[in-house]
Amino acid sequence: MMTRAMQILRGRSLARSTTLACVLILAGCQEDSRASKTSTDQAASIAGQRLDKAMGSFRTALGQDSSNKQQMRAPTLTWNAPLTREDGSSLHPGQISGYRIYYRLKHENTLKVIPVDSPQQHHFTLNAMPPGAYEFSITTVDDNGLESRRSTPVSINLTQAQQG
């Protein structure tokens, strides 16, 4: 009988200890509303500043940074000459006769072509293009007149500010 009474007391003591431990843990997890509000505000401010900086760098890289018009560059397509043909065989720079830039406004179906007859040219400035949302892709033309498949299209939104 004495053992049973001791087991009950131990059980109650264990239950009290467990309850007390849970209360202490939960009390430690309570937030100081003033401290967490300040740190949340600071985190949001820092995140906003980082996002603004990243977007500014991104716009500058695309020539779309409207915050400093004097440093604004015209949007330019750039590409690298391929080193291989579609069948995997080598394509030497001397075998390239030029490139063709295919483009269309996104709402149109018909592609237009801009021939680039210089194999050394690896960029094309878009400052003469009217404003709009465009898709561009490029092909390589070899010295036998064979044309590669078009590259994956690149979307660019040209605005009036970029034209000026």
Protein backbone atom coordinates (compact mmCIF):
# COMPACT_ATOMS: atom_id res chain seq x y z
CA MET A 1 0.00 0.00 0.00
CA MET A 2 2.82 2.33 0.82
CA THR A 3 4.35 1.82 -2.62
CA ARG A 4 1.09 2.66 -4.34
CA ALA A 5 0.81 5.93 -2.38
CA MET A 6 4.39 6.84 -3.27
CA GLN A 7 3.69 6.14 -6.97
CA ILE A 8 0.67 8.46 -6.85
CA LEU A 9 2.72 11.19 -5.16
CA ARG A 10 5.52 10.76 -7.70
CA GLY A 11 2.96 10.91 -10.52
CA ARG A 12 1.48 14.14 -9.15
CA SER A 13 4.94 15.59 -8.65
CA LEU A 14 5.87 14.64 -12.21
CA ALA A 15 2.66 16.19 -13.53
CA ARG A 16 3.35 19.43 -11.60
CA SER A 17 6.94 19.50 -12.83
CA THR A 18 5.84 18.97 -16.42
CA THR A 19 3.17 21.66 -16.11
CA LEU A 20 5.65 24.08 -14.52
CA ALA A 21 8.21 23.38 -17.28
CA CYS A 22 5.60 24.04 -20.00
CA VAL A 23 4.55 27.30 -18.35
CA LEU A 24 8.16 28.45 -18.14
CA ILE A 25 8.82 27.51 -21.78
CA LEU A 26 5.72 29.33 -22.96
CA ALA A 27 6.56 32.36 -20.84
CA GLY A 28 9.99 32.45 -22.46
CA CYS A 29 8.36 32.41 -25.91
CA GLN A 30 6.15 35.41 -25.24
CA GLU A 31 6.91 38.36 -27.45
CA ASP A 32 7.72 41.79 -26.28
CA SER A 33 5.32 43.54 -28.67
CA ARG A 34 7.38 46.74 -28.68
CA ALA A 35 10.64 44.92 -29.51
CA SER A 36 9.17 42.68 -32.19
CA LYS A 37 7.36 45.61 -33.86
CA THR A 38 10.59 47.56 -34.06
CA SER A 39 12.53 44.63 -35.47
CA THR A 40 9.74 43.83 -37.93
CA ASP A 41 9.70 47.46 -39.11
CA GLN A 42 13.47 47.45 -39.42
CA ALA A 43 13.44 44.18 -41.36
CA ALA A 44 10.78 45.51 -43.73
CA SER A 45 12.75 48.70 -44.26
CA ILE A 46 15.97 46.82 -44.97
CA ALA A 47 14.18 44.43 -47.32
CA GLY A 48 12.59 47.36 -49.16
CA GLN A 49 15.95 49.12 -49.54
CA ARG A 50 17.57 45.94 -50.87
CA LEU A 51 14.72 45.40 -53.34
CA ASP A 52 14.94 49.02 -54.55
CA LYS A 53 18.69 48.69 -55.02
CA ALA A 54 18.36 45.38 -56.89
CA MET A 55 15.59 46.73 -59.14
CA GLY A 56 17.64 49.85 -59.85
CA SER A 57 20.60 47.71 -60.89
CA PHE A 58 18.31 45.57 -63.03
CA ARG A 59 16.75 48.61 -64.73
CA THR A 60 20.19 50.13 -65.31
CA ALA A 61 21.39 46.89 -66.92
CA LEU A 62 18.38 46.96 -69.26
CA GLY A 63 18.79 50.67 -69.97
CA GLN A 64 15.46 51.41 -68.29
CA ASP A 65 16.64 53.38 -65.28
CA SER A 66 14.43 56.45 -65.23
CA SER A 67 15.99 57.90 -62.07
CA ASN A 68 19.03 59.18 -63.96
CA LYS A 69 18.22 60.01 -67.57
CA GLN A 70 21.75 61.20 -68.36
CA GLN A 71 23.16 57.72 -67.73
CA MET A 72 20.37 56.05 -69.68
CA ARG A 73 21.61 53.75 -72.42
CA ALA A 74 19.60 52.57 -75.38
CA PRO A 75 18.49 48.93 -75.00
CA THR A 76 20.78 46.67 -77.00
CA LEU A 77 20.59 43.06 -78.09
CA THR A 78 23.90 41.24 -77.67
CA TRP A 79 24.89 37.72 -78.64
CA ASN A 80 27.89 35.43 -79.00
CA ALA A 81 28.92 33.68 -82.19
CA PRO A 82 28.17 29.95 -81.99
CA LEU A 83 31.08 27.52 -81.92
CA THR A 84 29.17 24.55 -83.31
CA ARG A 85 26.54 23.83 -85.91
CA GLU A 86 23.20 22.23 -85.01
CA ASP A 87 24.61 18.79 -85.91
CA GLY A 88 27.42 19.30 -83.37
CA SER A 89 30.21 19.84 -85.91
CA SER A 90 32.58 22.80 -85.51
CA LEU A 91 31.67 26.22 -86.83
CA HIS A 92 34.70 28.44 -87.22
CA PRO A 93 34.33 32.23 -87.09
CA GLY A 94 35.47 32.47 -90.72
CA GLN A 95 32.49 30.32 -91.77
CA ILE A 96 29.91 32.79 -90.42
CA SER A 97 28.67 35.33 -92.96
CA GLY A 98 26.24 37.13 -90.66
CA TYR A 99 23.13 36.96 -88.52
CA ARG A 100 19.42 37.60 -88.85
CA ILE A 101 17.41 39.19 -86.08
CA TYR A 102 13.76 38.14 -86.10
CA TYR A 103 11.31 40.30 -84.20
CA ARG A 104 7.64 41.02 -83.74
CA LEU A 105 5.40 42.98 -81.48
CA LYS A 106 3.92 40.49 -79.01
CA HIS A 107 0.38 41.03 -80.26
CA GLU A 108 1.40 40.30 -83.88
CA ASN A 109 1.93 36.93 -85.55
CA THR A 110 4.21 38.00 -88.40
CA LEU A 111 7.96 38.06 -87.83
CA LYS A 112 10.11 40.75 -89.41
CA VAL A 113 13.82 40.34 -90.18
CA ILE A 114 16.81 42.60 -89.67
CA PRO A 115 19.85 41.26 -91.56
CA VAL A 116 23.23 41.71 -89.88
CA ASP A 117 25.78 41.23 -92.67
CA SER A 118 28.89 41.57 -90.54
CA PRO A 119 30.02 38.37 -88.77
CA GLN A 120 32.04 40.53 -86.32
CA GLN A 121 28.95 42.42 -85.15
CA HIS A 122 27.54 40.93 -81.94
CA HIS A 123 25.13 43.66 -80.86
CA PHE A 124 22.20 45.63 -82.21
CA THR A 125 20.88 48.83 -80.63
CA LEU A 126 17.09 49.10 -80.43
CA ASN A 127 16.82 52.91 -80.22
CA ALA A 128 15.18 53.16 -83.69
CA MET A 129 12.35 50.78 -82.75
CA PRO A 130 8.94 52.27 -81.94
CA PRO A 131 7.71 51.76 -78.36
CA GLY A 132 6.03 48.45 -77.64
CA ALA A 133 6.40 44.95 -76.22
CA TYR A 134 8.66 42.95 -78.52
CA GLU A 135 10.06 39.46 -78.89
CA PHE A 136 13.45 39.02 -80.53
CA SER A 137 15.33 35.92 -81.66
CA ILE A 138 18.45 35.50 -83.77
CA THR A 139 19.88 33.04 -86.30
CA THR A 140 23.37 32.51 -87.64
CA VAL A 141 24.00 32.36 -91.39
CA ASP A 142 27.10 30.51 -92.65
CA ASP A 143 29.17 31.20 -95.76
CA ASN A 144 27.07 28.67 -97.74
CA GLY A 145 23.85 30.53 -96.92
CA LEU A 146 22.67 27.91 -94.40
CA GLU A 147 20.69 29.43 -91.56
CA SER A 148 20.44 28.02 -88.04
CA ARG A 149 17.23 27.66 -86.09
CA ARG A 150 16.04 30.75 -84.31
CA SER A 151 17.23 31.23 -80.76
CA THR A 152 14.85 31.21 -77.83
CA PRO A 153 12.88 34.49 -77.98
CA VAL A 154 13.80 37.34 -75.67
CA SER A 155 11.06 39.75 -74.57
CA ILE A 156 11.79 43.46 -74.29
CA ASN A 157 9.38 46.27 -73.50
CA LEU A 158 10.54 49.47 -75.17
CA THR A 159 9.09 52.66 -73.75
CA GLN A 160 8.90 56.20 -75.11
CA ALA A 161 11.50 57.41 -72.58
CA GLN A 162 14.05 54.98 -74.01
CA GLN A 163 13.63 56.42 -77.47
CA GLY A 164 14.59 59.95 -76.44
